[in-house]
Amino acid sequence: MTLPVARWWHLDENGRVVCELCPRSCTLAEGQAGYCGVRSNAGGSLRTAVTGSTSGLSVDPIEKKPLYHFLPGTKVLSFGSVGCNLGCTFCQNWGLSQTDDFSRLQASSPEDIVRMALAQRCSGVAFTYNEPIISAEYCLEVAQACHEAGLKTLAVTAGYISGGAREAFFQGMDATNVDLKGFSEAFYRDYCRARLRPVLETLEYLVQETHVWTEITTLLIPGGNDSEAELESLSTWVADRLGRDVPVHLSAFHPDFRLLDRPGTPFSTLQRAKAIARSKGLNYVYLGNARNPEGSTTFCPSCGETLITRDGYNLTSNRLRDGACGACGKVILGVFQKAQK
């Protein structure tokens, strides 16, 4: 079986394929696969093994992505493939992200995915479970089919993508949650085998140059990225570079994959992190992987009114009036369904 030719590559002076999709710029000899495990040099072309297939499909609340300010209370059809261009020691979905076992994939055309999303009355399709950027070509095919059918598209991503591919990939997306792993180059190097700067560039591009609705998630790892100094730096950067209305989800870690020597994140750490983020001016800070009603509630940043309440991933009340606070009229940034007349 001949694999499809990928985008974003060139040949170097020695005839090797250089992948241009992400900052790794993997240089591949004949038969060699890149760091992600799914893009390889075959016959002097970059080929992708994950076009036209998925590792599974599931209908989820959109809050599970997590996206709290994008069509809250709706369902999305989630799917992924295998592989990743990061090497996070703490990966909580490593069974998919850290494998190149393509036997786990099943054929799924864009039309199949759209049909299933419509049949399940989903508002959109989410590219998730593993890193969608490494299957960018297929994600864009599915995104086109979704938009033609009136469905939204969501990417749950680490944002580790090159400048050349970034624009094309996110042109196909309506919303994204970017996993900002930490806020130091040392953390990205030691825990993720990657670099921080390209992720920050992705976030700045999304918020400053596109209309893609953007939220951020940071998993807090005890002794890794949960120091007061790092949380202050992260919160200050988001407020200054992205704006105070970008929702930030601070999530609890549990021991997994290769990081089994750490305890789970205490709830007190989540509370401390939220207090730091709020002190730096962030208006919407949520707590994840912890059953805490207040930590998942959307409050009006102007008058403090309770606007959206959640029980786990389920919406329990929504007091927004056409995207604004029903008490004071403050516009809440996001993408919300209009109230029924």
C-alpha atoms as a PDB file:
ATOM      1  CA  MET A   1       0.000   0.000   0.000  1.00  0.00           C
ATOM      2  CA  THR A   2       1.392   3.381  -1.038  1.00  0.00           C
ATOM      3  CA  LEU A   3       0.997   6.044   1.631  1.00  0.00           C
ATOM      4  CA  PRO A   4      -0.251   9.533   0.682  1.00  0.00           C
ATOM      5  CA  VAL A   5       2.321  12.260   0.149  1.00  0.00           C
ATOM      6  CA  ALA A   6       2.413  14.759   2.998  1.00  0.00           C
ATOM      7  CA  ARG A   7       2.639  18.559   2.852  1.00  0.00           C
ATOM      8  CA  TRP A   8       5.355  20.764   4.335  1.00  0.00           C
ATOM      9  CA  TRP A   9       8.675  19.195   3.371  1.00  0.00           C
ATOM     10  CA  HIS A  10      11.647  19.590   1.073  1.00  0.00           C
ATOM     11  CA  LEU A  11      14.732  17.663  -0.001  1.00  0.00           C
ATOM     12  CA  ASP A  12      18.125  18.713   1.335  1.00  0.00           C
ATOM     13  CA  GLU A  13      21.333  18.752  -0.687  1.00  0.00           C
ATOM     14  CA  ASN A  14      21.932  15.072   0.142  1.00  0.00           C
ATOM     15  CA  GLY A  15      18.522  13.977  -1.091  1.00  0.00           C
ATOM     16  CA  ARG A  16      17.112  13.457   2.386  1.00  0.00           C
ATOM     17  CA  VAL A  17      13.576  14.534   3.239  1.00  0.00           C
ATOM     18  CA  VAL A  18      13.288  17.433   5.686  1.00  0.00           C
ATOM     19  CA  CYS A  19       9.884  17.679   7.355  1.00  0.00           C
ATOM     20  CA  GLU A  20       8.709  21.272   7.804  1.00  0.00           C
ATOM     21  CA  LEU A  21       5.564  20.568   9.829  1.00  0.00           C
ATOM     22  CA  CYS A  22       6.909  21.185  13.311  1.00  0.00           C
ATOM     23  CA  PRO A  23       9.954  22.787  14.946  1.00  0.00           C
ATOM     24  CA  ARG A  24      11.830  19.463  15.025  1.00  0.00           C
ATOM     25  CA  SER A  25      12.556  19.677  11.274  1.00  0.00           C
ATOM     26  CA  CYS A  26      13.274  15.938  11.165  1.00  0.00           C
ATOM     27  CA  THR A  27      15.772  15.037   8.442  1.00  0.00           C
ATOM     28  CA  LEU A  28      14.955  11.578   7.134  1.00  0.00           C
ATOM     29  CA  ALA A  29      16.884   9.047   5.075  1.00  0.00           C
ATOM     30  CA  GLU A  30      15.006   6.550   2.917  1.00  0.00           C
ATOM     31  CA  GLY A  31      12.700   4.424   5.078  1.00  0.00           C
ATOM     32  CA  GLN A  32      13.198   6.533   8.193  1.00  0.00           C
ATOM     33  CA  ALA A  33      10.265   7.884  10.229  1.00  0.00           C
ATOM     34  CA  GLY A  34      10.216  11.202  12.033  1.00  0.00           C
ATOM     35  CA  TYR A  35       9.981  11.742  15.786  1.00  0.00           C
ATOM     36  CA  CYS A  36       6.165  11.594  15.574  1.00  0.00           C
ATOM     37  CA  GLY A  37       6.326   8.078  14.141  1.00  0.00           C
ATOM     38  CA  VAL A  38       3.741   8.682  11.424  1.00  0.00           C
ATOM     39  CA  ARG A  39       5.587  10.725   8.793  1.00  0.00           C
ATOM     40  CA  SER A  40       8.383   9.001   6.889  1.00  0.00           C
ATOM     41  CA  ASN A  41      10.641   9.124   3.846  1.00  0.00           C
ATOM     42  CA  ALA A  42       9.420   6.684   1.204  1.00  0.00           C
ATOM     43  CA  GLY A  43      10.916   6.937  -2.267  1.00  0.00           C
ATOM     44  CA  GLY A  44      12.288  10.413  -1.654  1.00  0.00           C
ATOM     45  CA  SER A  45       8.911  11.868  -0.582  1.00  0.00           C
ATOM     46  CA  LEU A  46       7.463  12.588   2.823  1.00  0.00           C
ATOM     47  CA  ARG A  47       4.558  10.199   3.384  1.00  0.00           C
ATOM     48  CA  THR A  48       1.908  10.130   6.113  1.00  0.00           C
ATOM     49  CA  ALA A  49       0.491   6.940   7.628  1.00  0.00           C
ATOM     50  CA  VAL A  50      -2.535   8.512   9.311  1.00  0.00           C
ATOM     51  CA  THR A  51      -4.610   9.971   6.486  1.00  0.00           C
ATOM     52  CA  GLY A  52      -8.100   8.497   6.155  1.00  0.00           C
ATOM     53  CA  SER A  53      -8.115   6.618   9.442  1.00  0.00           C
ATOM     54  CA  THR A  54      -8.882   7.082  13.135  1.00  0.00           C
ATOM     55  CA  SER A  55      -8.098   5.313  16.384  1.00  0.00           C
ATOM     56  CA  GLY A  56     -11.694   5.633  17.512  1.00  0.00           C
ATOM     57  CA  LEU A  57     -14.690   7.951  17.568  1.00  0.00           C
ATOM     58  CA  SER A  58     -16.641   9.108  20.605  1.00  0.00           C
ATOM     59  CA  VAL A  59     -19.356  11.649  21.356  1.00  0.00           C
ATOM     60  CA  ASP A  60     -18.330  13.969  24.213  1.00  0.00           C
ATOM     61  CA  PRO A  61     -19.598  17.100  25.942  1.00  0.00           C
ATOM     62  CA  ILE A  62     -17.636  20.015  24.534  1.00  0.00           C
ATOM     63  CA  GLU A  63     -16.680  20.850  28.130  1.00  0.00           C
ATOM     64  CA  LYS A  64     -14.499  17.712  28.173  1.00  0.00           C
ATOM     65  CA  LYS A  65     -12.026  19.170  25.640  1.00  0.00           C
ATOM     66  CA  PRO A  66     -12.060  21.462  27.728  1.00  0.00           C
ATOM     67  CA  LEU A  67     -13.812  24.373  26.025  1.00  0.00           C
ATOM     68  CA  TYR A  68     -16.031  26.429  28.338  1.00  0.00           C
ATOM     69  CA  HIS A  69     -16.665  29.507  26.196  1.00  0.00           C
ATOM     70  CA  PHE A  70     -17.378  27.818  22.870  1.00  0.00           C
ATOM     71  CA  LEU A  71     -20.939  26.549  22.377  1.00  0.00           C
ATOM     72  CA  PRO A  72     -21.256  25.355  26.000  1.00  0.00           C
ATOM     73  CA  GLY A  73     -23.654  22.510  26.626  1.00  0.00           C
ATOM     74  CA  THR A  74     -23.298  21.029  23.122  1.00  0.00           C
ATOM     75  CA  LYS A  75     -21.810  17.708  22.020  1.00  0.00           C
ATOM     76  CA  VAL A  76     -18.865  17.084  19.731  1.00  0.00           C
ATOM     77  CA  LEU A  77     -17.676  14.014  17.879  1.00  0.00           C
ATOM     78  CA  SER A  78     -14.093  13.370  19.019  1.00  0.00           C
ATOM     79  CA  PHE A  79     -11.466  11.390  17.159  1.00  0.00           C
ATOM     80  CA  GLY A  80      -7.729  10.978  16.905  1.00  0.00           C
ATOM     81  CA  SER A  81      -5.075   8.733  15.416  1.00  0.00           C
ATOM     82  CA  VAL A  82      -1.718   7.651  16.890  1.00  0.00           C
ATOM     83  CA  GLY A  83       1.627   9.317  17.496  1.00  0.00           C
ATOM     84  CA  CYS A  84       2.828  12.692  18.784  1.00  0.00           C
ATOM     85  CA  ASN A  85       5.606  15.184  18.128  1.00  0.00           C
ATOM     86  CA  LEU A  86       6.241  15.685  21.854  1.00  0.00           C
ATOM     87  CA  GLY A  87       7.660  13.189  24.324  1.00  0.00           C
ATOM     88  CA  CYS A  88       5.915  14.118  27.567  1.00  0.00           C
ATOM     89  CA  THR A  89       6.948  11.848  30.431  1.00  0.00           C
ATOM     90  CA  PHE A  90       3.592  12.495  32.095  1.00  0.00           C
ATOM     91  CA  CYS A  91       1.352  11.837  29.080  1.00  0.00           C
ATOM     92  CA  GLN A  92      -2.088  10.730  30.244  1.00  0.00           C
ATOM     93  CA  ASN A  93      -3.045   9.325  26.844  1.00  0.00           C
ATOM     94  CA  TRP A  94       0.238   7.595  26.105  1.00  0.00           C
ATOM     95  CA  GLY A  95      -1.421   4.434  24.767  1.00  0.00           C
ATOM     96  CA  LEU A  96      -2.229   6.410  21.609  1.00  0.00           C
ATOM     97  CA  SER A  97       0.335   9.191  21.568  1.00  0.00           C
ATOM     98  CA  GLN A  98       3.425   7.095  22.204  1.00  0.00           C
ATOM     99  CA  THR A  99       2.841   4.281  19.729  1.00  0.00           C
ATOM    100  CA  ASP A 100       3.302   3.683  16.032  1.00  0.00           C
ATOM    101  CA  ASP A 101       1.019   0.632  16.025  1.00  0.00           C
ATOM    102  CA  PHE A 102      -1.008   1.445  12.929  1.00  0.00           C
ATOM    103  CA  SER A 103      -3.081  -1.733  13.335  1.00  0.00           C
ATOM    104  CA  ARG A 104      -5.121   0.241  15.854  1.00  0.00           C
ATOM    105  CA  LEU A 105      -6.410   2.504  13.101  1.00  0.00           C
ATOM    106  CA  GLN A 106      -9.637   1.983  11.219  1.00  0.00           C
ATOM    107  CA  ALA A 107     -10.662   3.540   7.922  1.00  0.00           C
ATOM    108  CA  SER A 108     -12.858   6.624   8.381  1.00  0.00           C
ATOM    109  CA  SER A 109     -13.573   8.970   5.501  1.00  0.00           C
ATOM    110  CA  PRO A 110     -14.411  12.651   6.112  1.00  0.00           C
ATOM    111  CA  GLU A 111     -17.924  11.856   4.894  1.00  0.00           C
ATOM    112  CA  ASP A 112     -18.252   9.041   7.456  1.00  0.00           C
ATOM    113  CA  ILE A 113     -17.215  11.377  10.254  1.00  0.00           C
ATOM    114  CA  VAL A 114     -19.618  14.095   9.166  1.00  0.00           C
ATOM    115  CA  ARG A 115     -22.501  11.629   8.900  1.00  0.00           C
ATOM    116  CA  MET A 116     -21.884  10.343  12.396  1.00  0.00           C
ATOM    117  CA  ALA A 117     -21.589  13.854  13.866  1.00  0.00           C
ATOM    118  CA  LEU A 118     -24.866  14.909  12.273  1.00  0.00           C
ATOM    119  CA  ALA A 119     -26.610  11.693  13.331  1.00  0.00           C
ATOM    120  CA  GLN A 120     -25.538  12.294  16.934  1.00  0.00           C
ATOM    121  CA  ARG A 121     -26.665  15.955  16.780  1.00  0.00           C
ATOM    122  CA  CYS A 122     -23.185  17.263  17.491  1.00  0.00           C
ATOM    123  CA  SER A 123     -22.256  20.902  17.093  1.00  0.00           C
ATOM    124  CA  GLY A 124     -18.902  19.965  15.669  1.00  0.00           C
ATOM    125  CA  VAL A 125     -15.944  17.604  15.416  1.00  0.00           C
ATOM    126  CA  ALA A 126     -12.946  17.636  17.759  1.00  0.00           C
ATOM    127  CA  PHE A 127      -9.458  16.535  16.700  1.00  0.00           C
ATOM    128  CA  THR A 128      -8.105  15.155  19.969  1.00  0.00           C
ATOM    129  CA  TYR A 129      -6.783  12.134  21.947  1.00  0.00           C
ATOM    130  CA  ASN A 130      -3.333  12.364  20.374  1.00  0.00           C
ATOM    131  CA  GLU A 131      -1.656  15.368  18.709  1.00  0.00           C
ATOM    132  CA  PRO A 132      -3.756  16.391  15.668  1.00  0.00           C
ATOM    133  CA  ILE A 133      -0.989  18.489  14.138  1.00  0.00           C
ATOM    134  CA  ILE A 134       0.911  15.375  13.020  1.00  0.00           C
ATOM    135  CA  SER A 135      -2.120  14.376  10.914  1.00  0.00           C
ATOM    136  CA  ALA A 136      -2.723  17.931   9.705  1.00  0.00           C
ATOM    137  CA  GLU A 137      -3.496  16.928   6.113  1.00  0.00           C
ATOM    138  CA  TYR A 138      -6.328  14.622   7.152  1.00  0.00           C
ATOM    139  CA  CYS A 139      -7.636  17.053   9.783  1.00  0.00           C
ATOM    140  CA  LEU A 140      -7.975  19.688   7.083  1.00  0.00           C
ATOM    141  CA  GLU A 141      -9.838  17.279   4.794  1.00  0.00           C
ATOM    142  CA  VAL A 142     -12.264  16.503   7.604  1.00  0.00           C
ATOM    143  CA  ALA A 143     -12.556  20.184   8.517  1.00  0.00           C
ATOM    144  CA  GLN A 144     -13.567  21.089   4.980  1.00  0.00           C
ATOM    145  CA  ALA A 145     -16.275  18.420   4.985  1.00  0.00           C
ATOM    146  CA  CYS A 146     -17.468  19.613   8.394  1.00  0.00           C
ATOM    147  CA  HIS A 147     -17.766  23.227   7.321  1.00  0.00           C
ATOM    148  CA  GLU A 148     -19.659  22.243   4.201  1.00  0.00           C
ATOM    149  CA  ALA A 149     -22.150  20.448   6.476  1.00  0.00           C
ATOM    150  CA  GLY A 150     -22.449  23.359   8.943  1.00  0.00           C
ATOM    151  CA  LEU A 151     -20.347  21.720  11.670  1.00  0.00           C
ATOM    152  CA  LYS A 152     -17.672  23.454  13.730  1.00  0.00           C
ATOM    153  CA  THR A 153     -14.117  22.148  14.098  1.00  0.00           C
ATOM    154  CA  LEU A 154     -12.005  22.034  17.265  1.00  0.00           C
ATOM    155  CA  ALA A 155      -8.345  21.158  17.769  1.00  0.00           C
ATOM    156  CA  VAL A 156      -7.035  19.968  21.136  1.00  0.00           C
ATOM    157  CA  THR A 157      -3.323  20.460  20.630  1.00  0.00           C
ATOM    158  CA  ALA A 158       0.051  21.139  22.187  1.00  0.00           C
ATOM    159  CA  GLY A 159       0.548  23.874  19.574  1.00  0.00           C
ATOM    160  CA  TYR A 160       3.984  22.570  18.556  1.00  0.00           C
ATOM    161  CA  ILE A 161       3.887  23.553  14.898  1.00  0.00           C
ATOM    162  CA  SER A 162       6.143  25.485  12.539  1.00  0.00           C
ATOM    163  CA  GLY A 163       5.290  28.940  11.302  1.00  0.00           C
ATOM    164  CA  GLY A 164       4.923  27.693   7.746  1.00  0.00           C
ATOM    165  CA  ALA A 165       2.261  25.115   8.588  1.00  0.00           C
ATOM    166  CA  ARG A 166       0.561  27.037  11.403  1.00  0.00           C
ATOM    167  CA  GLU A 167      -1.557  29.298   9.232  1.00  0.00           C
ATOM    168  CA  ALA A 168      -2.870  26.494   7.018  1.00  0.00           C
ATOM    169  CA  PHE A 169      -3.728  24.201   9.913  1.00  0.00           C
ATOM    170  CA  PHE A 170      -5.622  26.745  11.984  1.00  0.00           C
ATOM    171  CA  GLN A 171      -7.473  28.133   8.983  1.00  0.00           C
ATOM    172  CA  GLY A 172      -9.409  24.893   9.223  1.00  0.00           C
ATOM    173  CA  MET A 173     -10.297  25.340  12.891  1.00  0.00           C
ATOM    174  CA  ASP A 174     -13.061  27.275  14.625  1.00  0.00           C
ATOM    175  CA  ALA A 175     -11.780  26.725  18.158  1.00  0.00           C
ATOM    176  CA  THR A 176      -8.798  25.260  19.955  1.00  0.00           C
ATOM    177  CA  ASN A 177      -7.569  24.350  23.396  1.00  0.00           C
ATOM    178  CA  VAL A 178      -3.798  24.638  23.526  1.00  0.00           C
ATOM    179  CA  ASP A 179      -2.000  22.559  26.135  1.00  0.00           C
ATOM    180  CA  LEU A 180       0.595  24.939  27.554  1.00  0.00           C
ATOM    181  CA  LYS A 181       2.683  22.353  29.377  1.00  0.00           C
ATOM    182  CA  GLY A 182       4.547  24.777  31.608  1.00  0.00           C
ATOM    183  CA  PHE A 183       6.276  28.117  31.409  1.00  0.00           C
ATOM    184  CA  SER A 184       9.994  27.448  31.260  1.00  0.00           C
ATOM    185  CA  GLU A 185      12.306  26.140  28.587  1.00  0.00           C
ATOM    186  CA  ALA A 186      13.781  23.802  31.199  1.00  0.00           C
ATOM    187  CA  PHE A 187      10.400  22.162  31.828  1.00  0.00           C
ATOM    188  CA  TYR A 188       9.722  21.694  28.125  1.00  0.00           C
ATOM    189  CA  ARG A 189      13.213  20.251  27.606  1.00  0.00           C
ATOM    190  CA  ASP A 190      13.224  17.889  30.584  1.00  0.00           C
ATOM    191  CA  TYR A 191       9.589  16.781  30.655  1.00  0.00           C
ATOM    192  CA  CYS A 192       8.397  17.145  27.033  1.00  0.00           C
ATOM    193  CA  ARG A 193      11.521  16.811  24.858  1.00  0.00           C
ATOM    194  CA  ALA A 194      10.486  20.045  23.180  1.00  0.00           C
ATOM    195  CA  ARG A 195      10.769  23.836  23.384  1.00  0.00           C
ATOM    196  CA  LEU A 196       8.467  26.448  24.882  1.00  0.00           C
ATOM    197  CA  ARG A 197       9.004  29.288  22.412  1.00  0.00           C
ATOM    198  CA  PRO A 198       7.163  27.749  19.413  1.00  0.00           C
ATOM    199  CA  VAL A 199       4.102  27.110  21.606  1.00  0.00           C
ATOM    200  CA  LEU A 200       4.036  30.724  22.737  1.00  0.00           C
ATOM    201  CA  GLU A 201       4.322  31.800  19.108  1.00  0.00           C
ATOM    202  CA  THR A 202       1.332  29.607  18.252  1.00  0.00           C
ATOM    203  CA  LEU A 203      -0.735  31.142  21.042  1.00  0.00           C
ATOM    204  CA  GLU A 204       0.174  34.684  20.024  1.00  0.00           C
ATOM    205  CA  TYR A 205      -0.683  33.897  16.421  1.00  0.00           C
ATOM    206  CA  LEU A 206      -4.054  32.424  17.347  1.00  0.00           C
ATOM    207  CA  VAL A 207      -5.175  35.251  19.589  1.00  0.00           C
ATOM    208  CA  GLN A 208      -3.605  38.192  17.790  1.00  0.00           C
ATOM    209  CA  GLU A 209      -4.008  37.198  14.130  1.00  0.00           C
ATOM    210  CA  THR A 210      -6.983  34.828  13.809  1.00  0.00           C
ATOM    211  CA  HIS A 211     -10.622  34.444  14.804  1.00  0.00           C
ATOM    212  CA  VAL A 212     -10.055  30.952  16.201  1.00  0.00           C
ATOM    213  CA  TRP A 213     -11.572  30.829  19.691  1.00  0.00           C
ATOM    214  CA  THR A 214      -8.687  29.885  22.006  1.00  0.00           C
ATOM    215  CA  GLU A 215      -8.518  28.438  25.516  1.00  0.00           C
ATOM    216  CA  ILE A 216      -5.484  27.149  27.417  1.00  0.00           C
ATOM    217  CA  THR A 217      -4.918  24.134  29.672  1.00  0.00           C
ATOM    218  CA  THR A 218      -1.948  23.626  31.994  1.00  0.00           C
ATOM    219  CA  LEU A 219      -1.526  20.377  33.907  1.00  0.00           C
ATOM    220  CA  LEU A 220       0.100  21.205  37.249  1.00  0.00           C
ATOM    221  CA  ILE A 221       2.798  18.687  38.184  1.00  0.00           C
ATOM    222  CA  PRO A 222       4.117  18.764  41.758  1.00  0.00           C
ATOM    223  CA  GLY A 223       7.756  19.795  41.710  1.00  0.00           C
ATOM    224  CA  GLY A 224       7.674  20.281  37.951  1.00  0.00           C
ATOM    225  CA  ASN A 225       5.759  23.372  36.853  1.00  0.00           C
ATOM    226  CA  ASP A 226       3.785  24.416  39.939  1.00  0.00           C
ATOM    227  CA  SER A 227       6.161  26.887  41.578  1.00  0.00           C
ATOM    228  CA  GLU A 228       4.784  30.292  42.484  1.00  0.00           C
ATOM    229  CA  ALA A 229       7.327  32.006  40.241  1.00  0.00           C
ATOM    230  CA  GLU A 230       6.423  29.918  37.198  1.00  0.00           C
ATOM    231  CA  LEU A 231       2.683  30.345  37.739  1.00  0.00           C
ATOM    232  CA  GLU A 232       3.128  34.092  38.112  1.00  0.00           C
ATOM    233  CA  SER A 233       5.156  34.256  34.912  1.00  0.00           C
ATOM    234  CA  LEU A 234       2.622  32.181  32.987  1.00  0.00           C
ATOM    235  CA  SER A 235      -0.339  34.235  34.207  1.00  0.00           C
ATOM    236  CA  THR A 236       1.397  37.551  33.545  1.00  0.00           C
ATOM    237  CA  TRP A 237       2.341  36.479  30.017  1.00  0.00           C
ATOM    238  CA  VAL A 238      -1.220  35.388  29.195  1.00  0.00           C
ATOM    239  CA  ALA A 239      -2.662  38.641  30.542  1.00  0.00           C
ATOM    240  CA  ASP A 240      -0.125  40.831  28.727  1.00  0.00           C
ATOM    241  CA  ARG A 241       0.265  38.975  25.425  1.00  0.00           C
ATOM    242  CA  LEU A 242      -3.105  37.269  24.932  1.00  0.00           C
ATOM    243  CA  GLY A 243      -5.508  39.281  27.052  1.00  0.00           C
ATOM    244  CA  ARG A 244      -7.334  38.811  30.306  1.00  0.00           C
ATOM    245  CA  ASP A 245     -10.370  37.172  28.724  1.00  0.00           C
ATOM    246  CA  VAL A 246      -8.599  34.047  27.419  1.00  0.00           C
ATOM    247  CA  PRO A 247      -9.919  31.172  29.565  1.00  0.00           C
ATOM    248  CA  VAL A 248      -7.233  29.211  31.414  1.00  0.00           C
ATOM    249  CA  HIS A 249      -7.858  25.688  32.745  1.00  0.00           C
ATOM    250  CA  LEU A 250      -5.549  24.552  35.550  1.00  0.00           C
ATOM    251  CA  SER A 251      -5.736  20.776  35.835  1.00  0.00           C
ATOM    252  CA  ALA A 252      -4.673  18.211  38.417  1.00  0.00           C
ATOM    253  CA  PHE A 253      -1.964  15.697  37.518  1.00  0.00           C
ATOM    254  CA  HIS A 254      -2.138  12.016  38.394  1.00  0.00           C
ATOM    255  CA  PRO A 255       0.883   9.689  38.097  1.00  0.00           C
ATOM    256  CA  ASP A 256       1.024   8.122  34.644  1.00  0.00           C
ATOM    257  CA  PHE A 257       3.311   6.802  31.894  1.00  0.00           C
ATOM    258  CA  ARG A 258       6.934   7.487  32.909  1.00  0.00           C
ATOM    259  CA  LEU A 259       6.237   9.992  35.689  1.00  0.00           C
ATOM    260  CA  LEU A 260       5.128   7.677  38.475  1.00  0.00           C
ATOM    261  CA  ASP A 261       7.296   9.076  41.258  1.00  0.00           C
ATOM    262  CA  ARG A 262       5.135  12.149  41.871  1.00  0.00           C
ATOM    263  CA  PRO A 263       1.966  12.441  43.938  1.00  0.00           C
ATOM    264  CA  GLY A 264      -1.224  13.683  42.396  1.00  0.00           C
ATOM    265  CA  THR A 265      -1.764  17.436  42.467  1.00  0.00           C
ATOM    266  CA  PRO A 266      -3.268  18.516  45.802  1.00  0.00           C
ATOM    267  CA  PHE A 267      -6.436  20.565  45.501  1.00  0.00           C
ATOM    268  CA  SER A 268      -4.714  23.270  47.545  1.00  0.00           C
ATOM    269  CA  THR A 269      -2.205  23.658  44.686  1.00  0.00           C
ATOM    270  CA  LEU A 270      -5.022  24.216  42.213  1.00  0.00           C
ATOM    271  CA  GLN A 271      -6.567  26.822  44.506  1.00  0.00           C
ATOM    272  CA  ARG A 272      -3.209  28.565  44.944  1.00  0.00           C
ATOM    273  CA  ALA A 273      -2.613  28.572  41.192  1.00  0.00           C
ATOM    274  CA  LYS A 274      -6.060  30.003  40.551  1.00  0.00           C
ATOM    275  CA  ALA A 275      -5.488  32.764  43.103  1.00  0.00           C
ATOM    276  CA  ILE A 276      -2.206  33.677  41.393  1.00  0.00           C
ATOM    277  CA  ALA A 277      -3.829  33.755  37.956  1.00  0.00           C
ATOM    278  CA  ARG A 278      -6.700  35.888  39.195  1.00  0.00           C
ATOM    279  CA  SER A 279      -4.263  38.262  40.935  1.00  0.00           C
ATOM    280  CA  LYS A 280      -2.577  38.844  37.545  1.00  0.00           C
ATOM    281  CA  GLY A 281      -5.901  39.921  36.072  1.00  0.00           C
ATOM    282  CA  LEU A 282      -7.141  36.771  34.314  1.00  0.00           C
ATOM    283  CA  ASN A 283     -10.937  36.837  34.231  1.00  0.00           C
ATOM    284  CA  TYR A 284     -11.733  33.188  33.565  1.00  0.00           C
ATOM    285  CA  VAL A 285      -9.709  30.599  35.470  1.00  0.00           C
ATOM    286  CA  TYR A 286     -11.073  27.065  35.794  1.00  0.00           C
ATOM    287  CA  LEU A 287      -9.956  23.997  37.710  1.00  0.00           C
ATOM    288  CA  GLY A 288      -9.812  20.647  35.924  1.00  0.00           C
ATOM    289  CA  ASN A 289      -9.539  16.981  36.934  1.00  0.00           C
ATOM    290  CA  ALA A 290     -11.118  17.946  40.242  1.00  0.00           C
ATOM    291  CA  ARG A 291     -14.804  17.777  41.087  1.00  0.00           C
ATOM    292  CA  ASN A 292     -15.311  21.322  42.300  1.00  0.00           C
ATOM    293  CA  PRO A 293     -18.443  23.269  41.298  1.00  0.00           C
ATOM    294  CA  GLU A 294     -16.917  26.694  41.938  1.00  0.00           C
ATOM    295  CA  GLY A 295     -13.803  25.791  39.947  1.00  0.00           C
ATOM    296  CA  SER A 296     -15.912  25.024  36.870  1.00  0.00           C
ATOM    297  CA  THR A 297     -18.327  27.960  37.175  1.00  0.00           C
ATOM    298  CA  THR A 298     -18.241  30.962  34.860  1.00  0.00           C
ATOM    299  CA  PHE A 299     -18.659  34.185  36.804  1.00  0.00           C
ATOM    300  CA  CYS A 300     -19.198  37.652  35.404  1.00  0.00           C
ATOM    301  CA  PRO A 301     -15.857  39.481  35.725  1.00  0.00           C
ATOM    302  CA  SER A 302     -17.702  42.764  36.164  1.00  0.00           C
ATOM    303  CA  CYS A 303     -20.403  42.131  38.794  1.00  0.00           C
ATOM    304  CA  GLY A 304     -19.558  38.614  39.985  1.00  0.00           C
ATOM    305  CA  GLU A 305     -22.892  37.108  38.925  1.00  0.00           C
ATOM    306  CA  THR A 306     -22.949  33.335  38.465  1.00  0.00           C
ATOM    307  CA  LEU A 307     -23.453  32.814  34.729  1.00  0.00           C
ATOM    308  CA  ILE A 308     -22.757  29.184  33.786  1.00  0.00           C
ATOM    309  CA  THR A 309     -22.632  26.289  36.248  1.00  0.00           C
ATOM    310  CA  ARG A 310     -21.293  22.821  35.532  1.00  0.00           C
ATOM    311  CA  ASP A 311     -21.387  19.446  37.254  1.00  0.00           C
ATOM    312  CA  GLY A 312     -18.319  17.685  35.942  1.00  0.00           C
ATOM    313  CA  TYR A 313     -18.601  17.991  32.170  1.00  0.00           C
ATOM    314  CA  ASN A 314     -22.350  18.646  32.222  1.00  0.00           C
ATOM    315  CA  LEU A 315     -23.913  22.087  32.013  1.00  0.00           C
ATOM    316  CA  THR A 316     -26.438  22.623  34.819  1.00  0.00           C
ATOM    317  CA  SER A 317     -27.428  26.241  34.210  1.00  0.00           C
ATOM    318  CA  ASN A 318     -26.739  29.023  31.735  1.00  0.00           C
ATOM    319  CA  ARG A 319     -27.801  32.560  32.639  1.00  0.00           C
ATOM    320  CA  LEU A 320     -26.129  34.279  29.701  1.00  0.00           C
ATOM    321  CA  ARG A 321     -28.403  36.483  27.627  1.00  0.00           C
ATOM    322  CA  ASP A 322     -27.147  36.553  24.054  1.00  0.00           C
ATOM    323  CA  GLY A 323     -23.555  36.297  25.222  1.00  0.00           C
ATOM    324  CA  ALA A 324     -23.821  38.866  28.004  1.00  0.00           C
ATOM    325  CA  CYS A 325     -24.324  38.867  31.751  1.00  0.00           C
ATOM    326  CA  GLY A 326     -28.028  38.925  32.525  1.00  0.00           C
ATOM    327  CA  ALA A 327     -27.422  41.080  35.609  1.00  0.00           C
ATOM    328  CA  CYS A 328     -25.118  43.883  34.410  1.00  0.00           C
ATOM    329  CA  GLY A 329     -24.954  43.441  30.626  1.00  0.00           C
ATOM    330  CA  LYS A 330     -21.200  42.782  30.523  1.00  0.00           C
ATOM    331  CA  VAL A 331     -20.303  41.008  27.265  1.00  0.00           C
ATOM    332  CA  ILE A 332     -18.647  37.654  27.980  1.00  0.00           C
ATOM    333  CA  LEU A 333     -16.094  36.816  25.321  1.00  0.00           C
ATOM    334  CA  GLY A 334     -16.632  33.504  23.597  1.00  0.00           C
ATOM    335  CA  VAL A 335     -18.879  31.839  21.043  1.00  0.00           C
ATOM    336  CA  PHE A 336     -22.318  31.259  22.502  1.00  0.00           C
ATOM    337  CA  GLN A 337     -25.591  30.084  21.101  1.00  0.00           C
ATOM    338  CA  LYS A 338     -28.282  32.730  20.933  1.00  0.00           C
ATOM    339  CA  ALA A 339     -31.034  32.430  23.469  1.00  0.00           C
ATOM    340  CA  GLN A 340     -34.217  30.857  22.180  1.00  0.00           C
ATOM    341  CA  LYS A 341     -37.064  33.340  21.716  1.00  0.00           C
END
